[in-house]
Amino acid sequence: MVTVPGVNLSGALAPLSLLSALCMLVPMAQAEEGSSLWSGVRDSVDLSVSAGARYEDNLVVEELDAVSRQSGVARVGSVDLDVAHEWAGGRRIGAGYFMELRRFEEYPSYDLDLHHGYGNLSQRLGPVRWTTRLDGSVAHLGGERLLENRQIGLQLSGLAGRSVYLRGGLAFKQTDLLRAPQRNNDDTRADLAGYYFLDGTAHYLSVNYRFNAKRAEQSRFDYDAHRFGIMYNRRLSRWATLKLDWRYEERQYLSDASTPVSGPRLDERQRWRGRLEIPLGERLELELRYEHRDYASNLASVDYTDNRLEARFTLELL
């Protein structure tokens, strides 16, 4: 359990309790400002649902280093809820809940149920905004609980000129893997990201860097990681938005026992991804996604490449 002065992260669903409180608080605050209940809800809440299909040519459970070398097709669906409200003076409060389901016809042991909640509080201080955020997740795999995690983080962000936006943050995360308690870990991370806007949010380029120091229950799973990423976003026209990104990560394991015979484990992971978002009306959107991953490692069981294809319809309800 993570304990912070004034905050008790006693479980993975702590942010969901905050979400419930905010859902009651935000309309009350807006009612005091004289707005109607529906107008307040509509301005403060984003709610969407999605459904589609997903193909993977290599079913993998990364948290357990489980690589099946088998392909499968899954039905996918999700619910995404976000609540936010900002007061005069630059104070902002928000919360959200995300749920995703995947159901494989031939491999039910890879069925996924993911629940994630968050809550944040931020304040504008001149040109900079600081944000404190709590996150919690629970995942089930094949009908059995796979993991629980909790995270607390601090983020600073702001514009640097008219075309550049910068963001940096520190976070501490705890993960409990119920199927492999020897992998339970604490993860300390630092993030930096920059966005260069070529034409507002319709056309921009972003770069990011992350450092992770993960320490597990058993030292053979300890590692330090450096991750770099580049993303390009371009609204092609009113009918489509194109998103392309590349990510590279190097994981350096700290124990000689991290591989059976070849010394400390070293992973080099690359991912290429392309997404096309196509509006089909005022509230309906089709997303087409392709992802290729090339994961190289001196631990042979996790040295692999794979491809993922997905088509998903998203309906905005609020």
Protein backbone atom coordinates (compact mmCIF):
# COMPACT_ATOMS: atom_id res chain seq x y z
CA MET A 1 0.00 0.00 0.00
CA VAL A 2 1.23 3.50 -0.88
CA THR A 3 0.68 6.14 1.80
CA VAL A 4 1.13 9.84 1.02
CA PRO A 5 0.40 12.68 3.47
CA GLY A 6 -3.31 13.39 3.08
CA VAL A 7 -3.82 10.56 0.58
CA ASN A 8 -4.37 6.85 1.19
CA LEU A 9 -3.96 4.58 -1.82
CA SER A 10 -5.38 1.53 -0.10
CA GLY A 11 -6.50 -0.23 -3.26
CA ALA A 12 -6.42 -0.23 -7.02
CA LEU A 13 -9.87 1.34 -7.20
CA ALA A 14 -9.15 4.39 -5.05
CA PRO A 15 -9.50 6.77 -8.04
CA LEU A 16 -12.97 5.37 -8.72
CA SER A 17 -14.13 6.57 -5.31
CA LEU A 18 -12.84 10.00 -6.23
CA LEU A 19 -14.73 9.77 -9.52
CA SER A 20 -18.00 9.12 -7.68
CA ALA A 21 -17.46 12.14 -5.47
CA LEU A 22 -16.60 14.36 -8.43
CA CYS A 23 -19.66 13.27 -10.36
CA MET A 24 -21.75 14.72 -7.50
CA LEU A 25 -19.54 17.74 -6.89
CA VAL A 26 -19.31 19.10 -10.42
CA PRO A 27 -23.06 19.53 -11.12
CA MET A 28 -23.49 21.11 -7.66
CA ALA A 29 -20.82 23.67 -8.41
CA GLN A 30 -22.34 24.47 -11.78
CA ALA A 31 -25.83 24.76 -10.30
CA GLU A 32 -24.48 27.45 -7.98
CA GLU A 33 -23.32 29.33 -11.06
CA GLY A 34 -26.89 29.31 -12.36
CA SER A 35 -26.51 26.82 -15.22
CA SER A 36 -29.05 24.08 -15.86
CA LEU A 37 -28.33 20.52 -14.70
CA TRP A 38 -28.17 19.12 -18.24
CA SER A 39 -25.95 21.93 -19.49
CA GLY A 40 -23.59 21.33 -16.57
CA VAL A 41 -23.40 17.59 -17.23
CA ARG A 42 -22.93 18.07 -20.96
CA ASP A 43 -20.07 20.54 -20.48
CA SER A 44 -18.30 18.49 -17.80
CA VAL A 45 -18.70 14.88 -18.93
CA ASP A 46 -17.31 12.96 -21.90
CA LEU A 47 -18.74 9.47 -22.38
CA SER A 48 -18.10 7.12 -25.29
CA VAL A 49 -18.47 3.43 -26.11
CA SER A 50 -16.69 1.38 -28.76
CA ALA A 51 -16.88 -2.04 -30.39
CA GLY A 52 -14.87 -3.85 -33.05
CA ALA A 53 -12.52 -6.70 -33.90
CA ARG A 54 -8.80 -7.31 -33.33
CA TYR A 55 -6.30 -9.74 -34.90
CA GLU A 56 -3.00 -10.71 -33.25
CA ASP A 57 -0.54 -13.08 -34.93
CA ASN A 58 1.20 -13.76 -31.61
CA LEU A 59 -0.79 -13.85 -28.37
CA VAL A 60 1.41 -12.36 -25.65
CA VAL A 61 1.06 -11.56 -21.95
CA GLU A 62 3.92 -9.10 -21.48
CA GLU A 63 3.52 -8.85 -17.71
CA LEU A 64 4.38 -12.57 -17.41
CA ASP A 65 6.81 -12.84 -20.37
CA ALA A 66 4.36 -15.36 -21.86
CA VAL A 67 4.68 -15.67 -25.66
CA SER A 68 2.34 -18.21 -27.26
CA ARG A 69 3.43 -18.03 -30.95
CA GLN A 70 -0.29 -18.52 -31.74
CA SER A 71 -2.58 -16.16 -33.65
CA GLY A 72 -6.12 -15.21 -32.71
CA VAL A 73 -9.08 -12.94 -33.47
CA ALA A 74 -10.95 -11.17 -30.68
CA ARG A 75 -14.11 -9.13 -30.27
CA VAL A 76 -13.27 -5.89 -28.48
CA GLY A 77 -15.35 -3.29 -26.68
CA SER A 78 -14.81 -0.42 -24.28
CA VAL A 79 -16.44 2.31 -22.20
CA ASP A 80 -14.61 5.60 -21.60
CA LEU A 81 -15.86 8.19 -19.09
CA ASP A 82 -14.15 11.48 -18.19
CA VAL A 83 -15.39 14.21 -15.82
CA ALA A 84 -13.70 17.62 -15.57
CA HIS A 85 -14.41 21.06 -14.16
CA GLU A 86 -12.36 24.25 -14.00
CA TRP A 87 -12.88 27.19 -11.65
CA ALA A 88 -11.72 30.78 -11.92
CA GLY A 89 -8.06 31.16 -11.05
CA GLY A 90 -6.94 28.16 -13.10
CA ARG A 91 -7.86 25.37 -10.66
CA ARG A 92 -9.04 22.20 -12.42
CA ILE A 93 -10.31 18.89 -11.10
CA GLY A 94 -11.00 15.73 -13.08
CA ALA A 95 -11.59 12.01 -12.89
CA GLY A 96 -12.31 9.13 -15.22
CA TYR A 97 -13.01 5.45 -15.69
CA PHE A 98 -12.05 3.20 -18.60
CA MET A 99 -13.15 -0.41 -19.15
CA GLU A 100 -12.07 -2.67 -22.02
CA LEU A 101 -13.04 -6.25 -22.88
CA ARG A 102 -11.42 -8.66 -25.35
CA ARG A 103 -12.93 -12.04 -26.16
CA PHE A 104 -11.01 -14.62 -28.23
CA GLU A 105 -13.11 -17.34 -29.86
CA GLU A 106 -10.40 -20.02 -29.93
CA TYR A 107 -8.24 -19.00 -26.95
CA PRO A 108 -10.47 -17.98 -24.02
CA SER A 109 -7.47 -18.15 -21.67
CA TYR A 110 -6.36 -14.86 -23.30
CA ASP A 111 -9.68 -13.07 -22.73
CA LEU A 112 -8.99 -9.71 -21.10
CA ASP A 113 -11.03 -7.55 -18.71
CA LEU A 114 -9.35 -4.24 -17.87
CA HIS A 115 -10.68 -1.60 -15.45
CA HIS A 116 -8.80 1.67 -14.96
CA GLY A 117 -9.71 4.73 -12.90
CA TYR A 118 -7.98 8.04 -12.25
CA GLY A 119 -8.41 11.32 -10.42
CA ASN A 120 -6.41 14.53 -10.79
CA LEU A 121 -6.14 18.04 -9.40
CA SER A 122 -4.23 20.81 -11.17
CA GLN A 123 -3.46 24.50 -10.77
CA ARG A 124 -2.17 27.07 -13.24
CA LEU A 125 0.84 29.01 -11.93
CA GLY A 126 1.60 31.72 -14.48
CA PRO A 127 2.68 30.01 -17.72
CA VAL A 128 2.99 26.59 -16.03
CA ARG A 129 0.34 24.12 -14.89
CA TRP A 130 1.08 21.51 -12.22
CA THR A 131 -1.06 18.39 -11.92
CA THR A 132 -1.23 15.72 -9.23
CA ARG A 133 -2.78 12.47 -10.41
CA LEU A 134 -3.80 9.14 -8.87
CA ASP A 135 -4.35 6.03 -11.02
CA GLY A 136 -5.50 2.49 -10.29
CA SER A 137 -6.07 -0.55 -12.51
CA VAL A 138 -7.32 -4.12 -12.21
CA ALA A 139 -6.92 -6.68 -15.02
CA HIS A 140 -8.39 -10.18 -15.40
CA LEU A 141 -7.00 -12.69 -17.90
CA GLY A 142 -9.01 -15.75 -18.85
CA GLY A 143 -11.51 -14.99 -16.09
CA GLU A 144 -8.87 -14.90 -13.32
CA ARG A 145 -7.35 -11.79 -11.76
CA LEU A 146 -3.98 -11.05 -13.36
CA LEU A 147 -2.78 -7.83 -11.73
CA GLU A 148 -3.55 -4.76 -9.67
CA ASN A 149 -1.61 -1.52 -9.75
CA ARG A 150 -1.60 1.91 -8.12
CA GLN A 151 0.20 5.04 -9.20
CA ILE A 152 0.72 8.59 -7.96
CA GLY A 153 2.39 11.23 -10.11
CA LEU A 154 3.21 14.92 -10.43
CA GLN A 155 3.31 16.68 -13.79
CA LEU A 156 4.37 20.16 -14.97
CA SER A 157 3.31 21.47 -18.39
CA GLY A 158 3.07 24.68 -20.35
CA LEU A 159 3.53 26.49 -23.66
CA ALA A 160 6.97 27.65 -24.71
CA GLY A 161 6.10 30.16 -27.40
CA ARG A 162 3.13 29.89 -29.74
CA SER A 163 4.02 26.55 -31.33
CA VAL A 164 5.75 24.46 -28.65
CA TYR A 165 4.18 22.68 -25.68
CA LEU A 166 6.35 20.95 -23.05
CA ARG A 167 5.44 18.42 -20.37
CA GLY A 168 7.48 16.65 -17.69
CA GLY A 169 6.55 14.38 -14.83
CA LEU A 170 7.58 12.02 -12.05
CA ALA A 171 5.54 9.01 -10.94
CA PHE A 172 5.69 6.09 -8.53
CA LYS A 173 3.78 2.89 -9.36
CA GLN A 174 3.18 -0.36 -7.48
CA THR A 175 2.09 -3.52 -9.32
CA ASP A 176 0.89 -6.79 -7.77
CA LEU A 177 0.85 -9.79 -10.12
CA LEU A 178 -1.42 -12.34 -8.48
CA ARG A 179 -0.32 -15.18 -10.76
CA ALA A 180 3.40 -14.47 -10.28
CA PRO A 181 3.98 -12.74 -6.93
CA GLN A 182 7.74 -12.96 -7.43
CA ARG A 183 7.22 -10.28 -10.12
CA ASN A 184 5.44 -7.82 -7.79
CA ASN A 185 7.29 -4.55 -8.29
CA ASP A 186 7.80 -0.87 -7.53
CA ASP A 187 8.36 1.33 -10.58
CA THR A 188 9.81 4.84 -10.44
CA ARG A 189 9.60 6.77 -13.69
CA ALA A 190 10.43 10.17 -15.17
CA ASP A 191 8.86 11.49 -18.39
CA LEU A 192 9.62 14.34 -20.78
CA ALA A 193 7.57 15.23 -23.87
CA GLY A 194 7.48 18.05 -26.40
CA TYR A 195 4.89 18.97 -29.03
CA TYR A 196 5.51 21.18 -32.06
CA PHE A 197 2.28 22.46 -33.61
CA LEU A 198 2.50 22.98 -37.36
CA ASP A 199 -1.21 23.85 -37.65
CA GLY A 200 -2.72 23.75 -34.18
CA THR A 201 -3.95 20.35 -32.99
CA ALA A 202 -4.78 19.39 -36.59
CA HIS A 203 -1.11 18.97 -37.54
CA TYR A 204 1.70 18.43 -35.07
CA LEU A 205 4.83 16.43 -34.24
CA SER A 206 5.74 15.14 -30.78
CA VAL A 207 8.79 13.51 -29.20
CA ASN A 208 9.02 11.88 -25.78
CA TYR A 209 11.46 10.17 -23.42
CA ARG A 210 10.87 7.99 -20.35
CA PHE A 211 13.21 6.48 -17.78
CA ASN A 212 12.00 3.53 -15.66
CA ALA A 213 13.64 1.96 -12.63
CA LYS A 214 11.67 -1.21 -11.82
CA ARG A 215 12.46 -3.22 -8.70
CA ALA A 216 10.68 -6.55 -8.24
CA GLU A 217 10.15 -8.99 -5.37
CA GLN A 218 12.87 -11.18 -6.90
CA SER A 219 15.94 -9.28 -8.08
CA ARG A 220 16.22 -11.24 -11.35
CA PHE A 221 13.27 -9.17 -12.64
CA ASP A 222 14.85 -5.79 -11.76
CA TYR A 223 15.68 -3.52 -14.68
CA ASP A 224 16.35 0.05 -15.79
CA ALA A 225 14.79 1.18 -19.07
CA HIS A 226 15.13 4.08 -21.49
CA ARG A 227 12.29 4.71 -23.95
CA PHE A 228 12.14 7.16 -26.86
CA GLY A 229 9.15 7.91 -29.05
CA ILE A 230 8.08 10.06 -32.02
CA MET A 231 4.50 10.71 -33.14
CA TYR A 232 3.11 12.53 -36.19
CA ASN A 233 -0.53 13.69 -36.31
CA ARG A 234 -2.15 15.11 -39.45
CA ARG A 235 -5.79 15.85 -40.18
CA LEU A 236 -5.96 14.94 -43.86
CA SER A 237 -9.35 16.55 -44.40
CA ARG A 238 -12.75 16.53 -42.79
CA TRP A 239 -13.01 12.82 -43.49
CA ALA A 240 -9.86 11.46 -41.82
CA THR A 241 -7.00 11.99 -39.35
CA LEU A 242 -3.71 10.08 -39.71
CA LYS A 243 -1.51 9.21 -36.71
CA LEU A 244 1.90 7.57 -37.10
CA ASP A 245 4.27 6.73 -34.25
CA TRP A 246 7.49 4.85 -33.52
CA ARG A 247 8.81 3.78 -30.12
CA TYR A 248 12.14 2.33 -29.04
CA GLU A 249 12.86 0.93 -25.58
CA GLU A 250 16.01 -0.59 -24.09
CA ARG A 251 15.69 -2.64 -20.90
CA GLN A 252 18.87 -3.47 -19.01
CA TYR A 253 18.30 -6.15 -16.39
CA LEU A 254 20.48 -5.88 -13.32
CA SER A 255 20.92 -9.52 -12.28
CA ASP A 256 23.17 -12.18 -13.82
CA ALA A 257 20.32 -14.62 -13.11
CA SER A 258 17.90 -12.84 -15.48
CA THR A 259 18.75 -15.36 -18.24
CA PRO A 260 19.66 -19.04 -17.83
CA VAL A 261 23.08 -18.93 -19.54
CA SER A 262 23.88 -15.60 -21.21
CA GLY A 263 24.31 -13.25 -18.27
CA PRO A 264 22.18 -10.16 -17.62
CA ARG A 265 19.12 -9.95 -19.85
CA LEU A 266 19.00 -7.14 -22.42
CA ASP A 267 15.83 -6.27 -24.36
CA GLU A 268 15.57 -3.89 -27.32
CA ARG A 269 11.96 -3.24 -28.23
CA GLN A 270 10.65 -1.36 -31.25
CA ARG A 271 7.06 -0.64 -32.17
CA TRP A 272 5.66 0.96 -35.34
CA ARG A 273 2.00 1.95 -35.36
CA GLY A 274 -0.39 3.63 -37.79
CA ARG A 275 -3.94 4.79 -37.07
CA LEU A 276 -6.60 6.26 -39.34
CA GLU A 277 -9.61 7.93 -37.70
CA ILE A 278 -12.62 8.35 -40.02
CA PRO A 279 -15.70 10.32 -38.85
CA LEU A 280 -18.97 8.70 -39.93
CA GLY A 281 -21.24 11.39 -38.54
CA GLU A 282 -21.33 13.94 -35.77
CA ARG A 283 -20.81 11.35 -33.01
CA LEU A 284 -19.67 8.14 -34.74
CA GLU A 285 -16.09 7.35 -35.76
CA LEU A 286 -14.27 4.40 -37.31
CA GLU A 287 -10.65 3.76 -36.29
CA LEU A 288 -8.38 1.49 -38.31
CA ARG A 289 -5.11 0.49 -36.63
CA TYR A 290 -2.00 -1.47 -37.61
CA GLU A 291 0.88 -2.24 -35.24
CA HIS A 292 4.18 -4.05 -35.81
CA ARG A 293 6.48 -4.95 -32.93
CA ASP A 294 10.07 -6.18 -33.06
CA TYR A 295 11.20 -7.31 -29.61
CA ALA A 296 14.84 -8.48 -29.55
CA SER A 297 16.29 -10.14 -26.44
CA ASN A 298 19.12 -12.44 -25.39
CA LEU A 299 16.42 -14.40 -23.53
CA ALA A 300 15.20 -16.55 -26.42
CA SER A 301 11.67 -17.09 -25.10
CA VAL A 302 10.85 -13.36 -25.39
CA ASP A 303 12.67 -12.67 -28.67
CA TYR A 304 9.91 -12.24 -31.26
CA THR A 305 8.12 -10.06 -33.81
CA ASP A 306 4.38 -9.74 -34.27
CA ASN A 307 1.61 -7.79 -35.98
CA ARG A 308 -1.76 -6.51 -34.77
CA LEU A 309 -4.73 -5.27 -36.78
CA GLU A 310 -7.83 -3.64 -35.34
CA ALA A 311 -11.03 -1.98 -36.59
CA ARG A 312 -13.22 -0.23 -34.04
CA PHE A 313 -16.36 1.94 -34.09
CA THR A 314 -16.62 4.59 -31.37
CA LEU A 315 -19.87 6.33 -30.46
CA GLU A 316 -19.75 9.55 -28.44
CA LEU A 317 -22.73 9.61 -26.07
CA LEU A 318 -21.86 12.82 -24.20
